[in-house]
């Protein structure tokens, strides 16, 4: 309960800050947002096959050739 009381007291007892935000601040926030989105997309791309297999995605191409015992046309090109 005390963990919720302290932030609530700080939030409701605000005063004027007289702070200045220059244009560089908005640019920095935008850069952080774009970087976070790019990092998230990279992480998803990196672990896509693990996520797909965990949440019920279909068989991977390696398991298809092992299970069927027949080489697919893409395997012959390699």
Foldseek 3Di string as FASTA:
>chain_A
DVVVVVVVVVVVPDDDDPDDDDPVNVVVVVVVVVVVVVVVVVVCVVCVVVVCVVVPHDDDPVVVCVVVVDDDPVNVVD
